Amino acid sequence: MALVASSSSVENGSLAAQATGCPTLRLISRAPEHSLEARFAREFNEQRYCDMTLVTRTRSFRAHKAVICSASPVIDRALSGNFHVSTSNSVPVRLAHNLQKAESNTYTINTEDHGVIWRFIQYCYLGHYDTVDLPPLAPLARQDQGGIIHTARDPAAGDLMQSHNTRLANECNTYRLLLDIDVYRMGDIYAVPSLSLHALACLKVRLDALLQEDKRAGECFLEIVKPVYECTGSGDDKLREMLVLYLRLFGAKLTSEGARKRLGELAGEVKEFGAALVGDYLEVVGSGGGE
């Protein structure tokens, strides 16, 4: 089963996407034609029975209330106009502020990147979301004194071009990691705990892949520390514990003076992270790992 962005002419009902020239996003199933998975993908793509719209800052998505509302009790209550929250219902009290009025079966989520919402939709329909990477970066170019344009694929571009490409690759990796973290947070906000667990698994796959990259991967890893602690509450330890575990693995890649300095700054800025670092260090020393 693969989920991809497609520029197919099949109507997605996404007016914002059409206005901005974004490709139409479709669920494409490689499961047997009569399977439930294929049927759900077909229903989303054909749009004939869609009865709600999810709107982001940059595009909108037509969807089915039966699918979205059965997955998220928060959106269900928003669309039904029932904003009463108590400890007896399925919406945590601490998430009550996320409920907002939905007009004409349209739910607006202006705080989220549309990539996050797209993965949320994929998960609601198919039980998992795609981890396809961003499109390849366009080759960087520079003009030398003779007016000749060199691209990053041209050996004449020199080390400067390689450093630019490394920086952009790090930014791209960071974006992908942050996207999974945002999906994790969305699962928490919209009361879809299984989505958060799935995002956690996807994040682990990305971190494992990042470990195989060059030493600058450690600097990329440090960029997700604050977002992890900002999007999780004190009682939610799954993401935080995984972060500290991977910090131990990424430690060998934090070799530059800038990376070491940034790690110290983060320990001071994010108190819980600093405490976790101390606790992890004491655990390693206590087990004989520090000898």
Protein backbone atom coordinates (compact mmCIF):
# COMPACT_ATOMS: atom_id res chain seq x y z
CA MET A 1 0.00 0.00 0.00
CA ALA A 2 1.41 3.39 -0.96
CA LEU A 3 0.04 6.87 -0.55
CA VAL A 4 1.37 9.49 -2.92
CA ALA A 5 0.83 13.03 -4.10
CA SER A 6 -0.50 13.00 -7.63
CA SER A 7 -1.21 15.68 -10.21
CA SER A 8 -4.04 13.56 -11.60
CA SER A 9 -7.07 15.34 -13.01
CA VAL A 10 -9.35 13.52 -10.55
CA GLU A 11 -11.16 16.21 -8.61
CA ASN A 12 -10.20 16.44 -4.94
CA GLY A 13 -12.52 19.31 -4.10
CA SER A 14 -9.55 21.32 -2.89
CA LEU A 15 -10.15 24.88 -3.98
CA ALA A 16 -7.17 26.17 -2.06
CA ALA A 17 -4.94 23.63 -3.77
CA GLN A 18 -6.20 24.67 -7.18
CA ALA A 19 -5.68 28.35 -6.41
CA THR A 20 -2.07 27.82 -5.32
CA GLY A 21 -1.21 25.34 -8.05
CA CYS A 22 -0.69 22.51 -5.54
CA PRO A 23 -0.95 18.99 -6.94
CA THR A 24 -4.14 17.10 -6.18
CA LEU A 25 -3.53 14.64 -3.35
CA ARG A 26 -5.01 11.17 -3.77
CA LEU A 27 -4.96 7.95 -1.81
CA ILE A 28 -3.58 5.25 -4.08
CA SER A 29 -4.02 1.67 -2.92
CA ARG A 30 -2.12 -1.33 -4.22
CA ALA A 31 -4.33 -3.67 -2.23
CA PRO A 32 -6.83 -5.93 -4.07
CA GLU A 33 -9.53 -3.93 -5.79
CA HIS A 34 -12.35 -5.24 -3.60
CA SER A 35 -10.47 -4.89 -0.31
CA LEU A 36 -11.70 -2.49 2.34
CA GLU A 37 -8.51 -0.46 2.00
CA ALA A 38 -9.00 0.02 -1.73
CA ARG A 39 -12.66 0.95 -1.23
CA PHE A 40 -11.78 3.63 1.33
CA ALA A 41 -9.14 5.07 -0.98
CA ARG A 42 -11.62 5.10 -3.85
CA GLU A 43 -14.29 6.86 -1.79
CA PHE A 44 -11.86 9.61 -0.81
CA ASN A 45 -10.61 10.11 -4.36
CA GLU A 46 -14.01 10.16 -6.06
CA GLN A 47 -15.38 12.76 -3.62
CA ARG A 48 -18.99 11.96 -4.52
CA TYR A 49 -20.18 11.39 -0.96
CA CYS A 50 -17.91 13.85 0.85
CA ASP A 51 -19.88 15.89 3.35
CA MET A 52 -17.23 17.92 5.19
CA THR A 53 -14.13 20.01 4.54
CA LEU A 54 -10.90 20.32 6.51
CA VAL A 55 -9.26 23.70 5.86
CA THR A 56 -5.62 24.63 6.53
CA ARG A 57 -3.68 27.82 5.86
CA THR A 58 -2.70 26.75 2.35
CA ARG A 59 -5.28 24.26 1.10
CA SER A 60 -8.50 22.42 1.88
CA PHE A 61 -9.47 18.76 1.85
CA ARG A 62 -12.91 17.29 1.20
CA ALA A 63 -13.62 14.27 3.39
CA HIS A 64 -16.34 12.14 5.00
CA LYS A 65 -17.72 12.88 8.45
CA ALA A 66 -18.29 9.19 9.11
CA VAL A 67 -14.55 8.59 8.72
CA ILE A 68 -13.08 11.72 10.31
CA CYS A 69 -15.53 12.04 13.20
CA SER A 70 -15.35 8.37 14.13
CA ALA A 71 -11.57 8.80 14.43
CA SER A 72 -11.55 12.11 16.33
CA PRO A 73 -14.12 12.83 19.07
CA VAL A 74 -12.85 16.41 19.16
CA ILE A 75 -13.76 17.14 15.54
CA ASP A 76 -16.97 15.16 16.02
CA ARG A 77 -18.05 17.46 18.84
CA ALA A 78 -17.02 20.56 16.91
CA LEU A 79 -19.10 19.57 13.88
CA SER A 80 -22.08 18.60 16.02
CA GLY A 81 -21.89 21.86 17.98
CA ASN A 82 -21.53 20.01 21.29
CA PHE A 83 -18.81 21.88 23.16
CA HIS A 84 -19.62 20.61 26.65
CA VAL A 85 -16.57 18.87 28.09
CA SER A 86 -16.58 16.83 31.27
CA THR A 87 -14.42 14.13 32.81
CA SER A 88 -17.01 11.54 31.77
CA ASN A 89 -16.66 11.99 28.01
CA SER A 90 -13.90 10.90 25.68
CA VAL A 91 -12.37 14.36 25.19
CA PRO A 92 -9.73 15.17 27.83
CA VAL A 93 -10.52 18.33 29.79
CA ARG A 94 -7.05 19.74 29.09
CA LEU A 95 -7.86 19.63 25.36
CA ALA A 96 -11.16 21.50 25.63
CA HIS A 97 -9.59 24.72 24.33
CA ASN A 98 -9.00 23.02 20.98
CA LEU A 99 -12.71 22.73 20.29
CA GLN A 100 -13.85 25.41 17.89
CA LYS A 101 -17.08 26.05 16.07
CA ALA A 102 -17.43 24.37 12.71
CA GLU A 103 -19.58 26.17 10.15
CA SER A 104 -21.36 24.44 7.26
CA ASN A 105 -19.51 21.18 7.94
CA THR A 106 -16.18 22.96 7.52
CA TYR A 107 -13.50 22.59 10.17
CA THR A 108 -10.60 25.04 10.03
CA ILE A 109 -7.18 24.15 11.43
CA ASN A 110 -5.07 27.23 10.78
CA THR A 111 -2.32 26.20 13.16
CA GLU A 112 -1.19 23.13 11.22
CA ASP A 113 0.97 22.60 8.14
CA HIS A 114 -1.16 21.00 5.44
CA GLY A 115 1.31 18.12 5.36
CA VAL A 116 0.27 17.28 8.93
CA ILE A 117 -3.44 17.34 8.04
CA TRP A 118 -2.81 15.22 4.96
CA ARG A 119 -1.14 12.55 7.10
CA PHE A 120 -4.01 12.77 9.58
CA ILE A 121 -6.49 12.15 6.75
CA GLN A 122 -4.43 9.23 5.45
CA TYR A 123 -4.42 7.68 8.90
CA CYS A 124 -8.17 8.15 9.40
CA TYR A 125 -8.94 6.38 6.13
CA LEU A 126 -6.25 3.70 6.03
CA GLY A 127 -4.81 3.25 9.51
CA HIS A 128 -1.34 4.54 8.61
CA TYR A 129 0.21 7.44 6.77
CA ASP A 130 2.83 7.72 4.11
CA THR A 131 6.42 8.68 4.90
CA VAL A 132 7.37 9.66 1.36
CA ASP A 133 10.17 12.23 1.46
CA LEU A 134 9.97 15.74 0.10
CA PRO A 135 10.62 16.23 -3.62
CA PRO A 136 14.35 16.31 -4.51
CA LEU A 137 15.98 19.65 -3.86
CA ALA A 138 16.61 21.74 -6.95
CA PRO A 139 20.37 21.90 -7.61
CA LEU A 140 21.96 25.02 -6.20
CA ALA A 141 23.75 27.25 -8.67
CA ARG A 142 26.37 29.96 -8.52
CA GLN A 143 27.99 32.22 -11.10
CA ASP A 144 31.77 32.45 -11.28
CA GLN A 145 33.81 35.48 -12.32
CA GLY A 146 33.60 34.42 -15.95
CA GLY A 147 29.83 34.45 -15.85
CA ILE A 148 29.57 30.66 -16.10
CA ILE A 149 26.75 29.10 -14.09
CA HIS A 150 27.71 26.02 -12.07
CA THR A 151 25.25 23.71 -10.33
CA ALA A 152 25.83 21.48 -7.34
CA ARG A 153 26.19 18.52 -9.68
CA ASP A 154 29.06 20.26 -11.49
CA PRO A 155 32.50 19.51 -9.94
CA ALA A 156 33.49 23.09 -10.79
CA ALA A 157 30.97 24.31 -8.24
CA GLY A 158 33.51 23.61 -5.52
CA ASP A 159 33.28 23.02 -1.77
CA LEU A 160 31.05 26.06 -1.22
CA MET A 161 28.27 24.38 -3.17
CA GLN A 162 28.68 21.18 -1.20
CA SER A 163 28.37 23.06 2.09
CA HIS A 164 25.20 24.76 0.86
CA ASN A 165 23.73 21.41 -0.14
CA THR A 166 24.64 19.91 3.24
CA ARG A 167 22.88 22.78 5.00
CA LEU A 168 19.75 22.38 2.90
CA ALA A 169 19.79 18.62 3.40
CA ASN A 170 19.95 19.17 7.17
CA GLU A 171 17.01 21.59 6.97
CA CYS A 172 15.09 19.02 4.94
CA ASN A 173 15.82 16.27 7.47
CA THR A 174 14.77 18.55 10.31
CA TYR A 175 11.49 19.36 8.55
CA ARG A 176 10.71 15.66 8.14
CA LEU A 177 11.40 14.98 11.81
CA LEU A 178 9.28 17.95 12.88
CA LEU A 179 6.45 16.77 10.65
CA ASP A 180 6.22 13.46 12.53
CA ILE A 181 6.37 15.35 15.84
CA ASP A 182 3.52 17.60 14.70
CA VAL A 183 1.47 14.55 13.71
CA TYR A 184 2.15 13.11 17.17
CA ARG A 185 0.93 16.34 18.73
CA MET A 186 -2.16 16.39 16.51
CA GLY A 187 -3.06 12.90 17.70
CA ASP A 188 -2.94 14.25 21.25
CA ILE A 189 -4.90 17.41 20.53
CA TYR A 190 -7.64 15.69 18.55
CA ALA A 191 -7.86 12.65 20.85
CA VAL A 192 -6.53 10.06 18.39
CA PRO A 193 -3.95 8.26 20.57
CA SER A 194 -3.28 5.55 17.98
CA LEU A 195 -2.21 8.29 15.53
CA SER A 196 0.35 9.52 18.07
CA LEU A 197 1.74 6.01 18.46
CA HIS A 198 1.98 5.62 14.69
CA ALA A 199 3.79 8.97 14.38
CA LEU A 200 6.18 7.83 17.10
CA ALA A 201 7.00 4.72 15.08
CA CYS A 202 7.54 6.80 11.92
CA LEU A 203 9.81 9.19 13.83
CA LYS A 204 11.88 6.26 15.05
CA VAL A 205 12.36 5.07 11.46
CA ARG A 206 13.57 8.54 10.44
CA LEU A 207 15.95 8.81 13.40
CA ASP A 208 17.41 5.38 12.63
CA ALA A 209 18.02 6.52 9.05
CA LEU A 210 19.54 9.80 10.24
CA LEU A 211 22.01 7.89 12.41
CA GLN A 212 23.52 6.47 9.23
CA GLU A 213 24.28 9.92 7.82
CA ASP A 214 27.32 12.14 8.34
CA LYS A 215 28.36 13.77 11.59
CA ARG A 216 26.18 16.84 10.98
CA ALA A 217 23.17 14.62 11.63
CA GLY A 218 23.69 15.31 15.33
CA GLU A 219 23.09 19.02 14.81
CA CYS A 220 19.91 18.19 12.92
CA PHE A 221 18.79 16.00 15.83
CA LEU A 222 19.24 18.84 18.33
CA GLU A 223 16.72 20.94 16.39
CA ILE A 224 13.86 18.71 17.52
CA VAL A 225 14.56 18.85 21.27
CA LYS A 226 12.53 21.97 22.07
CA PRO A 227 9.58 21.03 19.81
CA VAL A 228 9.35 17.65 21.55
CA TYR A 229 9.14 19.21 25.00
CA GLU A 230 6.81 21.98 23.82
CA CYS A 231 4.28 19.57 22.33
CA THR A 232 4.13 17.07 25.19
CA GLY A 233 2.75 17.41 28.70
CA SER A 234 4.51 16.29 31.86
CA GLY A 235 2.48 13.06 31.90
CA ASP A 236 3.34 12.12 28.33
CA ASP A 237 6.74 10.45 28.48
CA LYS A 238 6.78 8.30 25.32
CA LEU A 239 8.24 10.92 22.98
CA ARG A 240 10.52 12.42 25.62
CA GLU A 241 11.96 9.07 26.65
CA MET A 242 12.67 8.20 23.03
CA LEU A 243 14.43 11.55 22.58
CA VAL A 244 16.80 10.91 25.50
CA LEU A 245 17.46 7.37 24.26
CA TYR A 246 18.42 8.63 20.82
CA LEU A 247 20.54 11.41 22.29
CA ARG A 248 22.77 8.69 23.70
CA LEU A 249 23.02 7.19 20.19
CA PHE A 250 23.63 10.55 18.52
CA GLY A 251 26.25 11.55 21.09
CA ALA A 252 29.12 10.38 18.90
CA LYS A 253 27.92 12.74 16.16
CA LEU A 254 27.88 15.82 18.41
CA THR A 255 31.56 16.47 17.80
CA SER A 256 31.64 20.11 16.74
CA GLU A 257 32.07 22.90 19.26
CA GLY A 258 28.82 24.46 18.05
CA ALA A 259 26.86 21.25 18.63
CA ARG A 260 28.27 20.79 22.13
CA LYS A 261 27.49 24.40 22.95
CA ARG A 262 23.94 24.05 21.63
CA LEU A 263 23.40 20.92 23.73
CA GLY A 264 24.41 22.85 26.84
CA GLU A 265 22.08 25.71 25.91
CA LEU A 266 19.17 23.32 25.44
CA ALA A 267 19.82 21.73 28.83
CA GLY A 268 19.49 25.20 30.36
CA GLU A 269 16.53 26.38 28.28
CA VAL A 270 14.46 23.20 28.66
CA LYS A 271 14.67 22.27 32.34
CA GLU A 272 12.97 18.89 31.92
CA PHE A 273 15.48 18.00 29.21
CA GLY A 274 18.38 19.03 31.44
CA ALA A 275 17.03 16.87 34.25
CA ALA A 276 16.61 13.94 31.85
CA LEU A 277 20.22 14.34 30.70
CA VAL A 278 21.48 14.21 34.30
CA GLY A 279 19.30 11.19 35.04
CA ASP A 280 20.51 9.39 31.93
CA TYR A 281 24.14 10.18 32.79
CA LEU A 282 23.75 8.83 36.33
CA GLU A 283 22.11 5.69 34.97
CA VAL A 284 25.02 5.09 32.58
CA VAL A 285 27.61 5.70 35.32
CA GLY A 286 25.71 3.50 37.76
CA SER A 287 25.68 0.64 35.27
CA GLY A 288 29.42 0.92 34.73
CA GLY A 289 29.14 2.63 31.36
CA GLY A 290 31.07 5.64 32.56
CA GLU A 291 34.17 3.75 33.70
